[in-house]
Structures are given as structure tokens and as C-alpha cells.
Amino acid sequence: MLIAAATDAEIKSTGVTLRVSEPQVIAGGKGCLWNFTKVSGTVTGNLNVSQPDGLSHLYALKSQGSGLTTFQP
């Protein structure tokens, strides 16, 4: 699960405090939602195992200028 994708030390190094993390199941696979204290909004991460092109799909979306609000290779 993606909860383990970021360690407690990595989360703390961003300057925010984690209130809760929850596993999620989406249509394409598994993910996690992180909710922080004293910060508006949440952060989510998901692994879309139904996408056969893997990360190549995200690079293609970025090059087309569609589908992504934030993209950092």
C-alpha cells in the first residue's frame, strides 16, 4: 500500500503534521489518502495497475498537455 511510500521522517521533513492516512481502493488499483493538520486539503497517491503502459502513460499525458495538474519526473 502507498502508506509506506513515505516514511514518517519524510512527511515531517515537509513541515506538516500527519493527522490520518487511509488506504483507498480505486477502479484501477490501490492508493492512499494523507490528511494533514493545520493545512487545507489532502494528498492522495494511487497505483493504477490497470494501466498497461505504466509511467509512460503519464509522460504521454504531460506531452499532450492534458490530464495532469502537477507533474514532476
C-alpha atoms as a PDB file:
ATOM      1  CA  MET A   1       0.000   0.000   0.000  1.00  0.00           C
ATOM      2  CA  LEU A   2       1.189   3.526  -0.647  1.00  0.00           C
ATOM      3  CA  ILE A   3       1.034   4.456   3.016  1.00  0.00           C
ATOM      4  CA  ALA A   4       4.553   3.056   3.202  1.00  0.00           C
ATOM      5  CA  ALA A   5       5.624   5.124   0.182  1.00  0.00           C
ATOM      6  CA  ALA A   6       6.573   7.975   2.506  1.00  0.00           C
ATOM      7  CA  THR A   7       8.219   7.422   5.869  1.00  0.00           C
ATOM      8  CA  ASP A   8       7.268   9.407   8.966  1.00  0.00           C
ATOM      9  CA  ALA A   9      10.592  11.247   8.707  1.00  0.00           C
ATOM     10  CA  GLU A  10       9.920  12.200   5.071  1.00  0.00           C
ATOM     11  CA  ILE A  11       6.478  13.510   5.960  1.00  0.00           C
ATOM     12  CA  LYS A  12       7.846  15.505   8.915  1.00  0.00           C
ATOM     13  CA  SER A  13      10.594  16.979   6.705  1.00  0.00           C
ATOM     14  CA  THR A  14       7.898  18.762   4.670  1.00  0.00           C
ATOM     15  CA  GLY A  15       6.944  20.808   7.725  1.00  0.00           C
ATOM     16  CA  VAL A  16       3.434  19.380   8.084  1.00  0.00           C
ATOM     17  CA  THR A  17       1.930  17.027  10.649  1.00  0.00           C
ATOM     18  CA  LEU A  18       0.028  13.981   9.508  1.00  0.00           C
ATOM     19  CA  ARG A  19      -3.456  13.730  11.010  1.00  0.00           C
ATOM     20  CA  VAL A  20      -4.525  10.497   9.322  1.00  0.00           C
ATOM     21  CA  SER A  21      -3.639   8.255   6.424  1.00  0.00           C
ATOM     22  CA  GLU A  22      -6.209   5.970   4.877  1.00  0.00           C
ATOM     23  CA  PRO A  23      -5.846   3.188   2.340  1.00  0.00           C
ATOM     24  CA  GLN A  24      -8.053   3.575  -0.724  1.00  0.00           C
ATOM     25  CA  VAL A  25      -9.236   1.253  -3.437  1.00  0.00           C
ATOM     26  CA  ILE A  26      -9.947   2.921  -6.770  1.00  0.00           C
ATOM     27  CA  ALA A  27     -11.143   1.399 -10.033  1.00  0.00           C
ATOM     28  CA  GLY A  28      -7.592   0.951 -11.310  1.00  0.00           C
ATOM     29  CA  GLY A  29      -5.825  -0.195  -8.166  1.00  0.00           C
ATOM     30  CA  LYS A  30      -4.820   0.710  -4.622  1.00  0.00           C
ATOM     31  CA  GLY A  31      -3.855   4.033  -3.141  1.00  0.00           C
ATOM     32  CA  CYS A  32      -3.632   6.176  -0.051  1.00  0.00           C
ATOM     33  CA  LEU A  33      -5.049   9.467   1.181  1.00  0.00           C
ATOM     34  CA  TRP A  34      -2.955  11.622   3.519  1.00  0.00           C
ATOM     35  CA  ASN A  35      -4.736  14.269   5.599  1.00  0.00           C
ATOM     36  CA  PHE A  36      -2.616  16.838   7.455  1.00  0.00           C
ATOM     37  CA  THR A  37      -3.273  19.061  10.473  1.00  0.00           C
ATOM     38  CA  LYS A  38      -3.315  22.860  10.103  1.00  0.00           C
ATOM     39  CA  VAL A  39      -3.283  22.544   6.291  1.00  0.00           C
ATOM     40  CA  SER A  40      -6.223  22.820   3.939  1.00  0.00           C
ATOM     41  CA  GLY A  41      -6.731  19.883   1.583  1.00  0.00           C
ATOM     42  CA  THR A  42      -5.387  16.376   1.267  1.00  0.00           C
ATOM     43  CA  VAL A  43      -2.758  14.493  -0.706  1.00  0.00           C
ATOM     44  CA  THR A  44      -3.526  11.250  -2.493  1.00  0.00           C
ATOM     45  CA  GLY A  45      -1.389   8.753  -4.310  1.00  0.00           C
ATOM     46  CA  ASN A  46      -2.593   5.821  -6.336  1.00  0.00           C
ATOM     47  CA  LEU A  47      -1.112   2.963  -8.298  1.00  0.00           C
ATOM     48  CA  ASN A  48      -3.154   2.346 -11.411  1.00  0.00           C
ATOM     49  CA  VAL A  49      -2.386  -1.303 -12.060  1.00  0.00           C
ATOM     50  CA  SER A  50      -4.963  -1.434 -14.843  1.00  0.00           C
ATOM     51  CA  GLN A  51      -2.842   0.940 -16.989  1.00  0.00           C
ATOM     52  CA  PRO A  52      -0.619  -1.375 -19.076  1.00  0.00           C
ATOM     53  CA  ASP A  53       1.706   1.472 -20.173  1.00  0.00           C
ATOM     54  CA  GLY A  54       2.746   2.303 -16.596  1.00  0.00           C
ATOM     55  CA  LEU A  55       4.512   5.648 -16.203  1.00  0.00           C
ATOM     56  CA  SER A  56       4.793   6.023 -19.971  1.00  0.00           C
ATOM     57  CA  HIS A  57       1.108   6.871 -19.937  1.00  0.00           C
ATOM     58  CA  LEU A  58       1.733   9.819 -17.579  1.00  0.00           C
ATOM     59  CA  TYR A  59       4.597  11.103 -19.732  1.00  0.00           C
ATOM     60  CA  ALA A  60       2.330  10.918 -22.784  1.00  0.00           C
ATOM     61  CA  LEU A  61      -0.422  12.854 -20.995  1.00  0.00           C
ATOM     62  CA  LYS A  62       2.086  15.511 -19.964  1.00  0.00           C
ATOM     63  CA  SER A  63       3.423  15.897 -23.510  1.00  0.00           C
ATOM     64  CA  GLN A  64      -0.150  16.281 -24.788  1.00  0.00           C
ATOM     65  CA  GLY A  65      -0.835  18.966 -22.181  1.00  0.00           C
ATOM     66  CA  SER A  66      -3.792  17.099 -20.733  1.00  0.00           C
ATOM     67  CA  GLY A  67      -4.824  15.223 -17.651  1.00  0.00           C
ATOM     68  CA  LEU A  68      -2.236  16.406 -15.163  1.00  0.00           C
ATOM     69  CA  THR A  69      -2.229  19.391 -12.833  1.00  0.00           C
ATOM     70  CA  THR A  70       1.191  18.651 -11.329  1.00  0.00           C
ATOM     71  CA  PHE A  71       3.893  16.560 -12.940  1.00  0.00           C
ATOM     72  CA  GLN A  72       7.436  16.083 -11.624  1.00  0.00           C
ATOM     73  CA  PRO A  73       9.508  13.254 -13.098  1.00  0.00           C
END
